[in-house]
C-alpha cells in the first residue's frame, strides 16, 4: 500500500493554515519553492522524508493552534512489504 499523497498534502495545508502561515513562509522554512509546496498540498507531488522531518521539527518549535492537525501529518501508516 502506498501513501495517500492527497491526504498528506491536505494535512500539511491544514497545519499551515492553523499556524496562520502563508505557503511562502512554510516553503522558506523547509527550503522548497512555493510552486512545489502548492503541488504537495494538492497531492500532485510528495515530499521526501527529510522534508517531512523538517516540517515536524518546525511544527514542534512553532506549535499549532490545532496541534492535532499537525501531528496527524506524521501519523500516516504505510504498510511495508
Protein backbone atom coordinates (compact mmCIF):
# COMPACT_ATOMS: atom_id res chain seq x y z
CA UNK A 1 0.00 0.00 0.00
CA UNK A 2 1.45 3.34 -0.97
CA UNK A 3 0.95 6.59 0.94
CA UNK A 4 -2.03 8.74 0.01
CA UNK A 5 -0.30 11.94 -1.06
CA UNK A 6 -3.61 13.79 -1.29
CA UNK A 7 -4.25 13.15 2.42
CA UNK A 8 -0.70 14.11 3.36
CA UNK A 9 -0.99 17.33 1.37
CA UNK A 10 -4.32 18.24 2.96
CA UNK A 11 -2.87 17.70 6.42
CA UNK A 12 0.18 19.81 5.68
CA UNK A 13 -2.05 22.58 4.36
CA UNK A 14 -4.37 22.42 7.38
CA UNK A 15 -1.44 22.65 9.75
CA UNK A 16 -0.01 25.60 7.81
CA UNK A 17 -3.37 27.37 7.96
CA UNK A 18 -3.75 26.61 11.68
CA UNK A 19 -0.46 28.41 12.21
CA UNK A 20 -1.66 31.30 10.03
CA UNK A 21 1.29 30.84 7.70
CA UNK A 22 1.44 31.54 4.00
CA UNK A 23 2.76 29.00 1.56
CA UNK A 24 5.74 31.27 1.05
CA UNK A 25 6.60 31.24 4.76
CA UNK A 26 6.43 27.46 5.07
CA UNK A 27 8.29 26.94 1.80
CA UNK A 28 11.07 29.23 3.04
CA UNK A 29 11.30 27.32 6.33
CA UNK A 30 11.83 23.97 4.61
CA UNK A 31 13.76 25.33 1.62
CA UNK A 32 11.42 24.44 -1.24
CA UNK A 33 9.67 26.59 -3.83
CA UNK A 34 6.15 27.90 -3.29
CA UNK A 35 5.08 26.20 -6.53
CA UNK A 36 6.31 22.83 -5.26
CA UNK A 37 4.60 23.29 -1.87
CA UNK A 38 1.38 24.13 -3.69
CA UNK A 39 1.63 20.88 -5.68
CA UNK A 40 2.32 18.95 -2.45
CA UNK A 41 -0.74 20.44 -0.75
CA UNK A 42 -2.89 19.41 -3.73
CA UNK A 43 -1.47 15.88 -3.69
CA UNK A 44 0.22 16.27 -7.09
CA UNK A 45 3.74 15.93 -5.66
CA UNK A 46 5.23 14.49 -2.50
CA UNK A 47 7.88 15.49 -0.01
CA UNK A 48 10.77 13.23 0.79
CA UNK A 49 11.31 12.01 4.33
CA UNK A 50 13.87 14.74 5.04
CA UNK A 51 11.36 17.49 4.22
CA UNK A 52 8.61 15.82 6.23
CA UNK A 53 11.02 15.66 9.15
CA UNK A 54 11.81 19.35 8.74
CA UNK A 55 8.11 20.17 8.91
CA UNK A 56 7.84 18.07 12.09
CA UNK A 57 10.76 19.85 13.74
CA UNK A 58 9.42 23.24 12.65
CA UNK A 59 5.95 22.38 13.96
CA UNK A 60 7.40 21.44 17.32
CA UNK A 61 9.07 24.86 17.58
CA UNK A 62 6.02 26.87 16.46
CA UNK A 63 3.13 24.86 17.99
CA UNK A 64 -0.06 24.87 16.02
CA UNK A 65 -3.33 26.41 17.09
CA UNK A 66 -4.81 22.97 16.46
CA UNK A 67 -1.88 20.76 17.42
CA UNK A 68 -3.73 17.59 16.46
CA UNK A 69 -3.90 18.61 12.80
CA UNK A 70 -0.12 18.92 12.70
CA UNK A 71 0.69 15.69 14.42
CA UNK A 72 -1.65 13.82 12.08
CA UNK A 73 0.71 14.61 9.21
CA UNK A 74 3.09 12.07 10.69
CA UNK A 75 0.53 9.51 11.82
CA UNK A 76 0.05 8.05 8.35
CA UNK A 77 0.64 4.34 8.32
CA UNK A 78 2.25 2.78 5.33
CA UNK A 79 2.19 -0.97 5.01
CA UNK A 80 5.70 -2.20 4.31
CA UNK A 81 6.00 -5.27 2.13
